[in-house]
Amino acid sequence: MNTDVMLIVTTCPDEAVAAGLGTALLERRQAACVSRLPGLHSSYHWEGRMTEDTEVLVLIKAPADRYAEIEASIHELHPYDVPEIIGLPVTAGLPDYLAWVVAETAP
């Protein structure tokens, strides 16, 4: 069984968007677990000016070979023109957990 797992990070403008995104990824079996952390304060440059926003950080645990699908789903469902989507390889983890991530997302 392939246990190459990724942690995919995105931010959402509010809890409702984050919850909807998480639900969609889980229903599509693209992710095994989606964690939402509200209260994130983001500062960034956008369209020529510095911006400050409160966002929800979303952590998505999924097999690495599902990254392209997840990226497409986030882009489809996200209200931002250019959503943050960052995929980080998991280089170590509890083998049973990593196997669970893969098993829960099997088609």
C-alpha atoms as a PDB file:
ATOM      1  CA  MET A   1       0.000   0.000   0.000  1.00  0.00           C
ATOM      2  CA  ASN A   2       1.334   3.426  -0.959  1.00  0.00           C
ATOM      3  CA  THR A   3       1.580   5.593   2.155  1.00  0.00           C
ATOM      4  CA  ASP A   4       2.938   8.779   0.570  1.00  0.00           C
ATOM      5  CA  VAL A   5       0.862  11.403   2.348  1.00  0.00           C
ATOM      6  CA  MET A   6       0.688  15.186   1.998  1.00  0.00           C
ATOM      7  CA  LEU A   7      -0.448  17.988   4.221  1.00  0.00           C
ATOM      8  CA  ILE A   8      -2.223  20.511   2.017  1.00  0.00           C
ATOM      9  CA  VAL A   9      -2.721  23.985   3.425  1.00  0.00           C
ATOM     10  CA  THR A  10      -5.236  26.602   2.368  1.00  0.00           C
ATOM     11  CA  THR A  11      -6.948  29.572   3.970  1.00  0.00           C
ATOM     12  CA  CYS A  12     -10.611  30.564   3.746  1.00  0.00           C
ATOM     13  CA  PRO A  13     -12.319  33.885   4.443  1.00  0.00           C
ATOM     14  CA  ASP A  14     -14.642  32.425   7.093  1.00  0.00           C
ATOM     15  CA  GLU A  15     -15.758  29.278   8.900  1.00  0.00           C
ATOM     16  CA  ALA A  16     -18.681  28.611   6.542  1.00  0.00           C
ATOM     17  CA  VAL A  17     -16.437  28.491   3.475  1.00  0.00           C
ATOM     18  CA  ALA A  18     -13.861  26.360   5.318  1.00  0.00           C
ATOM     19  CA  ALA A  19     -16.527  23.923   6.529  1.00  0.00           C
ATOM     20  CA  GLY A  20     -18.074  23.639   3.069  1.00  0.00           C
ATOM     21  CA  LEU A  21     -14.688  23.010   1.496  1.00  0.00           C
ATOM     22  CA  GLY A  22     -13.821  20.380   4.094  1.00  0.00           C
ATOM     23  CA  THR A  23     -17.140  18.615   3.671  1.00  0.00           C
ATOM     24  CA  ALA A  24     -16.758  18.525  -0.114  1.00  0.00           C
ATOM     25  CA  LEU A  25     -13.233  17.088   0.080  1.00  0.00           C
ATOM     26  CA  LEU A  26     -14.387  14.414   2.524  1.00  0.00           C
ATOM     27  CA  GLU A  27     -17.515  13.536   0.522  1.00  0.00           C
ATOM     28  CA  ARG A  28     -15.404  13.233  -2.634  1.00  0.00           C
ATOM     29  CA  ARG A  29     -13.025  10.927  -0.672  1.00  0.00           C
ATOM     30  CA  GLN A  30     -10.138  13.184  -1.678  1.00  0.00           C
ATOM     31  CA  ALA A  31      -9.065  13.792   1.922  1.00  0.00           C
ATOM     32  CA  ALA A  32      -9.077  11.578   5.000  1.00  0.00           C
ATOM     33  CA  CYS A  33      -9.174  14.470   7.468  1.00  0.00           C
ATOM     34  CA  VAL A  34      -9.696  18.224   7.253  1.00  0.00           C
ATOM     35  CA  SER A  35      -8.868  20.406  10.253  1.00  0.00           C
ATOM     36  CA  ARG A  36     -10.043  24.015  10.557  1.00  0.00           C
ATOM     37  CA  LEU A  37      -8.306  26.598  12.720  1.00  0.00           C
ATOM     38  CA  PRO A  38     -10.239  29.888  12.913  1.00  0.00           C
ATOM     39  CA  GLY A  39      -8.764  33.179  14.047  1.00  0.00           C
ATOM     40  CA  LEU A  40      -5.782  33.322  11.690  1.00  0.00           C
ATOM     41  CA  HIS A  41      -4.572  36.886  11.080  1.00  0.00           C
ATOM     42  CA  SER A  42      -3.065  37.271   7.616  1.00  0.00           C
ATOM     43  CA  SER A  43      -1.103  40.214   6.249  1.00  0.00           C
ATOM     44  CA  TYR A  44      -0.238  40.205   2.565  1.00  0.00           C
ATOM     45  CA  HIS A  45       0.128  42.279  -0.588  1.00  0.00           C
ATOM     46  CA  TRP A  46      -2.796  42.064  -3.009  1.00  0.00           C
ATOM     47  CA  GLU A  47      -3.492  44.189  -6.058  1.00  0.00           C
ATOM     48  CA  GLY A  48      -0.831  46.732  -5.156  1.00  0.00           C
ATOM     49  CA  ARG A  49      -1.694  47.294  -1.508  1.00  0.00           C
ATOM     50  CA  MET A  50      -1.037  45.690   1.844  1.00  0.00           C
ATOM     51  CA  THR A  51      -4.072  43.884   3.251  1.00  0.00           C
ATOM     52  CA  GLU A  52      -4.983  42.484   6.683  1.00  0.00           C
ATOM     53  CA  ASP A  53      -7.666  39.828   7.043  1.00  0.00           C
ATOM     54  CA  THR A  54      -8.942  37.304   9.531  1.00  0.00           C
ATOM     55  CA  GLU A  55      -9.091  33.889   7.918  1.00  0.00           C
ATOM     56  CA  VAL A  56      -9.551  30.208   8.743  1.00  0.00           C
ATOM     57  CA  LEU A  57      -6.521  27.963   8.260  1.00  0.00           C
ATOM     58  CA  VAL A  58      -7.440  24.623   6.705  1.00  0.00           C
ATOM     59  CA  LEU A  59      -5.151  21.584   7.010  1.00  0.00           C
ATOM     60  CA  ILE A  60      -5.954  18.727   4.643  1.00  0.00           C
ATOM     61  CA  LYS A  61      -4.456  15.264   5.110  1.00  0.00           C
ATOM     62  CA  ALA A  62      -4.466  13.216   1.919  1.00  0.00           C
ATOM     63  CA  PRO A  63      -2.438  10.843  -0.236  1.00  0.00           C
ATOM     64  CA  ALA A  64       0.148  12.653  -2.334  1.00  0.00           C
ATOM     65  CA  ASP A  65      -1.238  11.147  -5.535  1.00  0.00           C
ATOM     66  CA  ARG A  66      -4.563  12.958  -4.920  1.00  0.00           C
ATOM     67  CA  TYR A  67      -2.954  16.432  -4.817  1.00  0.00           C
ATOM     68  CA  ALA A  68      -4.014  17.470  -8.337  1.00  0.00           C
ATOM     69  CA  GLU A  69      -7.659  16.542  -7.628  1.00  0.00           C
ATOM     70  CA  ILE A  70      -7.636  18.425  -4.334  1.00  0.00           C
ATOM     71  CA  GLU A  71      -6.041  21.489  -5.904  1.00  0.00           C
ATOM     72  CA  ALA A  72      -8.743  21.472  -8.610  1.00  0.00           C
ATOM     73  CA  SER A  73     -11.506  21.091  -6.001  1.00  0.00           C
ATOM     74  CA  ILE A  74     -10.179  23.933  -3.871  1.00  0.00           C
ATOM     75  CA  HIS A  75      -9.889  26.171  -6.919  1.00  0.00           C
ATOM     76  CA  GLU A  76     -13.448  25.232  -7.970  1.00  0.00           C
ATOM     77  CA  LEU A  77     -15.041  25.797  -4.539  1.00  0.00           C
ATOM     78  CA  HIS A  78     -12.967  28.682  -3.157  1.00  0.00           C
ATOM     79  CA  PRO A  79     -14.218  32.269  -3.380  1.00  0.00           C
ATOM     80  CA  TYR A  80     -10.724  33.792  -3.787  1.00  0.00           C
ATOM     81  CA  ASP A  81      -9.423  34.424  -7.320  1.00  0.00           C
ATOM     82  CA  VAL A  82      -6.038  33.059  -6.242  1.00  0.00           C
ATOM     83  CA  PRO A  83      -6.474  30.835  -3.175  1.00  0.00           C
ATOM     84  CA  GLU A  84      -3.492  29.763  -1.133  1.00  0.00           C
ATOM     85  CA  ILE A  85      -2.860  26.103  -1.929  1.00  0.00           C
ATOM     86  CA  ILE A  86       0.391  24.649  -0.639  1.00  0.00           C
ATOM     87  CA  GLY A  87       1.224  20.945  -0.607  1.00  0.00           C
ATOM     88  CA  LEU A  88       3.781  19.742   1.914  1.00  0.00           C
ATOM     89  CA  PRO A  89       5.136  16.197   1.799  1.00  0.00           C
ATOM     90  CA  VAL A  90       4.862  14.244   5.023  1.00  0.00           C
ATOM     91  CA  THR A  91       8.348  12.860   5.550  1.00  0.00           C
ATOM     92  CA  ALA A  92       7.574  11.000   8.786  1.00  0.00           C
ATOM     93  CA  GLY A  93       4.485   9.929  10.663  1.00  0.00           C
ATOM     94  CA  LEU A  94       2.879   7.098  12.562  1.00  0.00           C
ATOM     95  CA  PRO A  95       2.668   4.277   9.987  1.00  0.00           C
ATOM     96  CA  ASP A  96      -0.841   3.289  11.078  1.00  0.00           C
ATOM     97  CA  TYR A  97      -2.069   6.880  10.666  1.00  0.00           C
ATOM     98  CA  LEU A  98      -0.502   7.228   7.231  1.00  0.00           C
ATOM     99  CA  ALA A  99      -2.056   3.939   6.159  1.00  0.00           C
ATOM    100  CA  TRP A 100      -5.423   5.150   7.466  1.00  0.00           C
ATOM    101  CA  VAL A 101      -5.175   8.330   5.351  1.00  0.00           C
ATOM    102  CA  VAL A 102      -4.622   6.234   2.240  1.00  0.00           C
ATOM    103  CA  ALA A 103      -7.349   3.708   3.107  1.00  0.00           C
ATOM    104  CA  GLU A 104      -9.971   6.386   3.802  1.00  0.00           C
ATOM    105  CA  THR A 105      -9.466   7.978   0.404  1.00  0.00           C
ATOM    106  CA  ALA A 106      -9.475   4.831  -1.704  1.00  0.00           C
ATOM    107  CA  PRO A 107     -11.937   5.092  -4.595  1.00  0.00           C
END
